[in-house]
Amino acid sequence: MAEADGVQDIERGYIIVRSASPVFASASTKLGAWVAEKMEEGWVPHGPPQAFNDGEKFHLIQAMTKS
């Protein structure tokens, strides 16, 4: 898993899927791929994705839950 992309476990049953890129479309595509992979494993998106630009990169995150 790359430092800027991937999945961060917060606690059991809850994860944050994240992606970062200087190009919004690239960050969005990467996030979509991670979310789709996690959905195949039984995770469900929790709320809408969030986006932030720090001036250099677009950071997108998606909270996901698993019962």
PDB file of N, CA and C in Angstrom:
ATOM      1  N   MET A   1       0.841  -1.172   0.000  1.00  0.00           N
ATOM      2  CA  MET A   1       0.000   0.000   0.000  1.00  0.00           C
ATOM      3  C   MET A   1       0.887   1.237   0.000  1.00  0.00           C
ATOM      4  N   ALA A   2       0.611   2.164  -0.893  1.00  0.00           N
ATOM      5  CA  ALA A   2       1.369   3.403  -0.964  1.00  0.00           C
ATOM      6  C   ALA A   2       1.020   4.296   0.219  1.00  0.00           C
ATOM      7  N   GLU A   3       1.930   5.168   0.583  1.00  0.00           N
ATOM      8  CA  GLU A   3       1.702   6.030   1.732  1.00  0.00           C
ATOM      9  C   GLU A   3       0.480   6.915   1.550  1.00  0.00           C
ATOM     10  N   ALA A   4       0.258   7.436   0.346  1.00  0.00           N
ATOM     11  CA  ALA A   4      -0.842   8.370   0.116  1.00  0.00           C
ATOM     12  C   ALA A   4      -2.155   7.677  -0.221  1.00  0.00           C
ATOM     13  N   ASP A   5      -2.129   6.429  -0.563  1.00  0.00           N
ATOM     14  CA  ASP A   5      -3.328   5.712  -0.956  1.00  0.00           C
ATOM     15  C   ASP A   5      -3.527   4.508  -0.052  1.00  0.00           C
ATOM     16  N   GLY A   6      -4.779   4.072   0.065  1.00  0.00           N
ATOM     17  CA  GLY A   6      -4.998   2.823   0.757  1.00  0.00           C
ATOM     18  C   GLY A   6      -6.076   2.867   1.797  1.00  0.00           C
ATOM     19  N   VAL A   7      -5.898   2.007   2.766  1.00  0.00           N
ATOM     20  CA  VAL A   7      -6.910   1.801   3.790  1.00  0.00           C
ATOM     21  C   VAL A   7      -6.257   1.941   5.146  1.00  0.00           C
ATOM     22  N   GLN A   8      -6.903   2.659   6.024  1.00  0.00           N
ATOM     23  CA  GLN A   8      -6.407   2.826   7.379  1.00  0.00           C
ATOM     24  C   GLN A   8      -7.445   2.262   8.340  1.00  0.00           C
ATOM     25  N   ASP A   9      -7.059   1.262   9.126  1.00  0.00           N
ATOM     26  CA  ASP A   9      -7.969   0.686  10.115  1.00  0.00           C
ATOM     27  C   ASP A   9      -8.043   1.615  11.314  1.00  0.00           C
ATOM     28  N   ILE A  10      -9.232   2.016  11.677  1.00  0.00           N
ATOM     29  CA  ILE A  10      -9.429   2.852  12.848  1.00  0.00           C
ATOM     30  C   ILE A  10      -9.754   1.969  14.053  1.00  0.00           C
ATOM     31  N   GLU A  11     -10.719   1.111  13.908  1.00  0.00           N
ATOM     32  CA  GLU A  11     -11.085   0.140  14.928  1.00  0.00           C
ATOM     33  C   GLU A  11     -11.848  -0.975  14.241  1.00  0.00           C
ATOM     34  N   ARG A  12     -12.118  -2.031  14.934  1.00  0.00           N
ATOM     35  CA  ARG A  12     -12.814  -3.163  14.334  1.00  0.00           C
ATOM     36  C   ARG A  12     -14.164  -2.719  13.772  1.00  0.00           C
ATOM     37  N   GLY A  13     -14.409  -3.055  12.512  1.00  0.00           N
ATOM     38  CA  GLY A  13     -15.686  -2.746  11.882  1.00  0.00           C
ATOM     39  C   GLY A  13     -15.768  -1.378  11.233  1.00  0.00           C
ATOM     40  N   TYR A  14     -14.666  -0.616  11.232  1.00  0.00           N
ATOM     41  CA  TYR A  14     -14.683   0.732  10.671  1.00  0.00           C
ATOM     42  C   TYR A  14     -13.336   1.024  10.028  1.00  0.00           C
ATOM     43  N   ILE A  15     -13.332   1.420   8.766  1.00  0.00           N
ATOM     44  CA  ILE A  15     -12.089   1.766   8.075  1.00  0.00           C
ATOM     45  C   ILE A  15     -12.262   3.073   7.317  1.00  0.00           C
ATOM     46  N   ILE A  16     -11.146   3.689   7.020  1.00  0.00           N
ATOM     47  CA  ILE A  16     -11.098   4.865   6.161  1.00  0.00           C
ATOM     48  C   ILE A  16     -10.299   4.470   4.926  1.00  0.00           C
ATOM     49  N   VAL A  17     -10.923   4.579   3.773  1.00  0.00           N
ATOM     50  CA  VAL A  17     -10.245   4.318   2.501  1.00  0.00           C
ATOM     51  C   VAL A  17      -9.822   5.680   1.971  1.00  0.00           C
ATOM     52  N   ARG A  18      -8.588   5.805   1.521  1.00  0.00           N
ATOM     53  CA  ARG A  18      -8.105   7.119   1.107  1.00  0.00           C
ATOM     54  C   ARG A  18      -7.277   7.066  -0.166  1.00  0.00           C
ATOM     55  N   SER A  19      -7.202   8.212  -0.826  1.00  0.00           N
ATOM     56  CA  SER A  19      -6.419   8.342  -2.039  1.00  0.00           C
ATOM     57  C   SER A  19      -5.952   9.783  -2.149  1.00  0.00           C
ATOM     58  N   ALA A  20      -4.780   9.990  -2.758  1.00  0.00           N
ATOM     59  CA  ALA A  20      -4.260  11.342  -2.950  1.00  0.00           C
ATOM     60  C   ALA A  20      -3.535  11.415  -4.285  1.00  0.00           C
ATOM     61  N   SER A  21      -3.725  12.541  -4.975  1.00  0.00           N
ATOM     62  CA  SER A  21      -3.061  12.760  -6.261  1.00  0.00           C
ATOM     63  C   SER A  21      -3.118  14.246  -6.597  1.00  0.00           C
ATOM     64  N   PRO A  22      -2.148  14.753  -7.370  1.00  0.00           N
ATOM     65  CA  PRO A  22      -2.215  16.149  -7.800  1.00  0.00           C
ATOM     66  C   PRO A  22      -3.391  16.397  -8.770  1.00  0.00           C
ATOM     67  N   VAL A  23      -3.908  15.332  -9.366  1.00  0.00           N
ATOM     68  CA  VAL A  23      -5.011  15.438 -10.324  1.00  0.00           C
ATOM     69  C   VAL A  23      -6.263  14.838  -9.690  1.00  0.00           C
ATOM     70  N   PHE A  24      -7.341  15.638  -9.607  1.00  0.00           N
ATOM     71  CA  PHE A  24      -8.567  15.189  -8.950  1.00  0.00           C
ATOM     72  C   PHE A  24      -9.107  13.912  -9.579  1.00  0.00           C
ATOM     73  N   ALA A  25      -9.141  13.839 -10.904  1.00  0.00           N
ATOM     74  CA  ALA A  25      -9.685  12.658 -11.582  1.00  0.00           C
ATOM     75  C   ALA A  25      -8.902  11.400 -11.212  1.00  0.00           C
ATOM     76  N   SER A  26      -7.601  11.519 -11.079  1.00  0.00           N
ATOM     77  CA  SER A  26      -6.767  10.371 -10.705  1.00  0.00           C
ATOM     78  C   SER A  26      -7.071   9.939  -9.271  1.00  0.00           C
ATOM     79  N   ALA A  27      -7.163  10.888  -8.361  1.00  0.00           N
ATOM     80  CA  ALA A  27      -7.491  10.564  -6.968  1.00  0.00           C
ATOM     81  C   ALA A  27      -8.860   9.901  -6.889  1.00  0.00           C
ATOM     82  N   SER A  28      -9.806  10.392  -7.674  1.00  0.00           N
ATOM     83  CA  SER A  28     -11.157   9.827  -7.687  1.00  0.00           C
ATOM     84  C   SER A  28     -11.164   8.396  -8.226  1.00  0.00           C
ATOM     85  N   THR A  29     -10.436   8.159  -9.294  1.00  0.00           N
ATOM     86  CA  THR A  29     -10.354   6.814  -9.875  1.00  0.00           C
ATOM     87  C   THR A  29      -9.724   5.837  -8.887  1.00  0.00           C
ATOM     88  N   LYS A  30      -8.646   6.266  -8.234  1.00  0.00           N
ATOM     89  CA  LYS A  30      -7.970   5.411  -7.250  1.00  0.00           C
ATOM     90  C   LYS A  30      -8.899   5.099  -6.081  1.00  0.00           C
ATOM     91  N   LEU A  31      -9.613   6.122  -5.586  1.00  0.00           N
ATOM     92  CA  LEU A  31     -10.534   5.900  -4.471  1.00  0.00           C
ATOM     93  C   LEU A  31     -11.630   4.929  -4.876  1.00  0.00           C
ATOM     94  N   GLY A  32     -12.173   5.097  -6.074  1.00  0.00           N
ATOM     95  CA  GLY A  32     -13.217   4.194  -6.562  1.00  0.00           C
ATOM     96  C   GLY A  32     -12.741   2.754  -6.621  1.00  0.00           C
ATOM     97  N   ALA A  33     -11.506   2.547  -7.035  1.00  0.00           N
ATOM     98  CA  ALA A  33     -10.953   1.190  -7.110  1.00  0.00           C
ATOM     99  C   ALA A  33     -10.812   0.584  -5.712  1.00  0.00           C
ATOM    100  N   TRP A  34     -10.302   1.373  -4.747  1.00  0.00           N
ATOM    101  CA  TRP A  34     -10.160   0.883  -3.376  1.00  0.00           C
ATOM    102  C   TRP A  34     -11.520   0.560  -2.771  1.00  0.00           C
ATOM    103  N   VAL A  35     -12.500   1.457  -2.963  1.00  0.00           N
ATOM    104  CA  VAL A  35     -13.835   1.241  -2.399  1.00  0.00           C
ATOM    105  C   VAL A  35     -14.465  -0.014  -3.009  1.00  0.00           C
ATOM    106  N   ALA A  36     -14.354  -0.181  -4.318  1.00  0.00           N
ATOM    107  CA  ALA A  36     -14.911  -1.367  -4.982  1.00  0.00           C
ATOM    108  C   ALA A  36     -14.276  -2.643  -4.434  1.00  0.00           C
ATOM    109  N   GLU A  37     -12.961  -2.620  -4.222  1.00  0.00           N
ATOM    110  CA  GLU A  37     -12.259  -3.788  -3.675  1.00  0.00           C
ATOM    111  C   GLU A  37     -12.777  -4.115  -2.274  1.00  0.00           C
ATOM    112  N   LYS A  38     -12.943  -3.095  -1.450  1.00  0.00           N
ATOM    113  CA  LYS A  38     -13.428  -3.315  -0.085  1.00  0.00           C
ATOM    114  C   LYS A  38     -14.890  -3.769  -0.074  1.00  0.00           C
ATOM    115  N   MET A  39     -15.698  -3.285  -1.010  1.00  0.00           N
ATOM    116  CA  MET A  39     -17.098  -3.719  -1.088  1.00  0.00           C
ATOM    117  C   MET A  39     -17.178  -5.209  -1.407  1.00  0.00           C
ATOM    118  N   GLU A  40     -16.260  -5.722  -2.223  1.00  0.00           N
ATOM    119  CA  GLU A  40     -16.213  -7.153  -2.523  1.00  0.00           C
ATOM    120  C   GLU A  40     -15.895  -7.968  -1.275  1.00  0.00           C
ATOM    121  N   GLU A  41     -15.248  -7.337  -0.291  1.00  0.00           N
ATOM    122  CA  GLU A  41     -14.894  -8.002   0.957  1.00  0.00           C
ATOM    123  C   GLU A  41     -15.977  -7.826   2.027  1.00  0.00           C
ATOM    124  N   GLY A  42     -17.090  -7.174   1.661  1.00  0.00           N
ATOM    125  CA  GLY A  42     -18.198  -7.025   2.595  1.00  0.00           C
ATOM    126  C   GLY A  42     -18.306  -5.676   3.285  1.00  0.00           C
ATOM    127  N   TRP A  43     -17.445  -4.731   2.956  1.00  0.00           N
ATOM    128  CA  TRP A  43     -17.508  -3.401   3.544  1.00  0.00           C
ATOM    129  C   TRP A  43     -18.567  -2.567   2.816  1.00  0.00           C
ATOM    130  N   VAL A  44     -19.164  -1.612   3.530  1.00  0.00           N
ATOM    131  CA  VAL A  44     -20.210  -0.758   2.972  1.00  0.00           C
ATOM    132  C   VAL A  44     -19.821   0.704   3.194  1.00  0.00           C
ATOM    133  N   PRO A  45     -19.927   1.562   2.146  1.00  0.00           N
ATOM    134  CA  PRO A  45     -19.633   2.987   2.347  1.00  0.00           C
ATOM    135  C   PRO A  45     -20.531   3.578   3.435  1.00  0.00           C
ATOM    136  N   HIS A  46     -19.953   4.435   4.245  1.00  0.00           N
ATOM    137  CA  HIS A  46     -20.676   5.091   5.334  1.00  0.00           C
ATOM    138  C   HIS A  46     -20.638   6.596   5.074  1.00  0.00           C
ATOM    139  N   GLY A  47     -21.721   7.120   4.493  1.00  0.00           N
ATOM    140  CA  GLY A  47     -21.766   8.539   4.150  1.00  0.00           C
ATOM    141  C   GLY A  47     -21.064   8.818   2.835  1.00  0.00           C
ATOM    142  N   PRO A  48     -21.086  10.068   2.415  1.00  0.00           N
ATOM    143  CA  PRO A  48     -20.442  10.442   1.142  1.00  0.00           C
ATOM    144  C   PRO A  48     -18.924  10.551   1.292  1.00  0.00           C
ATOM    145  N   PRO A  49     -18.192  10.422   0.186  1.00  0.00           N
ATOM    146  CA  PRO A  49     -16.744  10.636   0.259  1.00  0.00           C
ATOM    147  C   PRO A  49     -16.457  12.104   0.568  1.00  0.00           C
ATOM    148  N   GLN A  50     -15.312  12.358   1.149  1.00  0.00           N
ATOM    149  CA  GLN A  50     -14.889  13.717   1.496  1.00  0.00           C
ATOM    150  C   GLN A  50     -13.645  14.060   0.682  1.00  0.00           C
ATOM    151  N   ALA A  51     -13.535  15.330   0.284  1.00  0.00           N
ATOM    152  CA  ALA A  51     -12.389  15.772  -0.513  1.00  0.00           C
ATOM    153  C   ALA A  51     -11.743  16.993   0.130  1.00  0.00           C
ATOM    154  N   PHE A  52     -10.420  17.086  -0.019  1.00  0.00           N
ATOM    155  CA  PHE A  52      -9.655  18.201   0.512  1.00  0.00           C
ATOM    156  C   PHE A  52      -8.480  18.445  -0.421  1.00  0.00           C
ATOM    157  N   ASN A  53      -8.160  19.715  -0.669  1.00  0.00           N
ATOM    158  CA  ASN A  53      -6.994  20.064  -1.472  1.00  0.00           C
ATOM    159  C   ASN A  53      -6.047  20.866  -0.597  1.00  0.00           C
ATOM    160  N   ASP A  54      -4.809  20.387  -0.465  1.00  0.00           N
ATOM    161  CA  ASP A  54      -3.827  21.073   0.377  1.00  0.00           C
ATOM    162  C   ASP A  54      -2.951  22.037  -0.416  1.00  0.00           C
ATOM    163  N   GLY A  55      -3.321  22.291  -1.660  1.00  0.00           N
ATOM    164  CA  GLY A  55      -2.528  23.163  -2.517  1.00  0.00           C
ATOM    165  C   GLY A  55      -1.613  22.399  -3.444  1.00  0.00           C
ATOM    166  N   GLU A  56      -1.301  21.162  -3.098  1.00  0.00           N
ATOM    167  CA  GLU A  56      -0.457  20.312  -3.926  1.00  0.00           C
ATOM    168  C   GLU A  56      -1.199  19.075  -4.412  1.00  0.00           C
ATOM    169  N   LYS A  57      -2.014  18.495  -3.532  1.00  0.00           N
ATOM    170  CA  LYS A  57      -2.713  17.255  -3.876  1.00  0.00           C
ATOM    171  C   LYS A  57      -4.175  17.325  -3.456  1.00  0.00           C
ATOM    172  N   PHE A  58      -4.965  16.530  -4.156  1.00  0.00           N
ATOM    173  CA  PHE A  58      -6.346  16.301  -3.754  1.00  0.00           C
ATOM    174  C   PHE A  58      -6.343  15.047  -2.888  1.00  0.00           C
ATOM    175  N   HIS A  59      -6.943  15.141  -1.718  1.00  0.00           N
ATOM    176  CA  HIS A  59      -7.051  14.010  -0.804  1.00  0.00           C
ATOM    177  C   HIS A  59      -8.524  13.630  -0.723  1.00  0.00           C
ATOM    178  N   LEU A  60      -8.839  12.383  -1.062  1.00  0.00           N
ATOM    179  CA  LEU A  60     -10.212  11.887  -0.984  1.00  0.00           C
ATOM    180  C   LEU A  60     -10.257  10.750   0.015  1.00  0.00           C
ATOM    181  N   ILE A  61     -11.298  10.759   0.851  1.00  0.00           N
ATOM    182  CA  ILE A  61     -11.463   9.679   1.828  1.00  0.00           C
ATOM    183  C   ILE A  61     -12.897   9.181   1.803  1.00  0.00           C
ATOM    184  N   GLN A  62     -13.065   7.910   2.152  1.00  0.00           N
ATOM    185  CA  GLN A  62     -14.383   7.295   2.252  1.00  0.00           C
ATOM    186  C   GLN A  62     -14.405   6.435   3.502  1.00  0.00           C
ATOM    187  N   ALA A  63     -15.305   6.744   4.423  1.00  0.00           N
ATOM    188  CA  ALA A  63     -15.502   5.894   5.592  1.00  0.00           C
ATOM    189  C   ALA A  63     -16.296   4.669   5.174  1.00  0.00           C
ATOM    190  N   MET A  64     -15.965   3.522   5.746  1.00  0.00           N
ATOM    191  CA  MET A  64     -16.664   2.280   5.437  1.00  0.00           C
ATOM    192  C   MET A  64     -16.868   1.495   6.721  1.00  0.00           C
ATOM    193  N   THR A  65     -17.974   0.758   6.776  1.00  0.00           N
ATOM    194  CA  THR A  65     -18.275  -0.065   7.950  1.00  0.00           C
ATOM    195  C   THR A  65     -18.513  -1.510   7.529  1.00  0.00           C
ATOM    196  N   LYS A  66     -18.355  -2.395   8.506  1.00  0.00           N
ATOM    197  CA  LYS A  66     -18.585  -3.808   8.277  1.00  0.00           C
ATOM    198  C   LYS A  66     -19.237  -4.383   9.528  1.00  0.00           C
ATOM    199  N   SER A  67     -20.382  -5.008   9.362  1.00  0.00           N
ATOM    200  CA  SER A  67     -21.097  -5.551  10.529  1.00  0.00           C
ATOM    201  C   SER A  67     -20.495  -6.859  10.972  1.00  0.00           C
TER     202      SER A  67
END
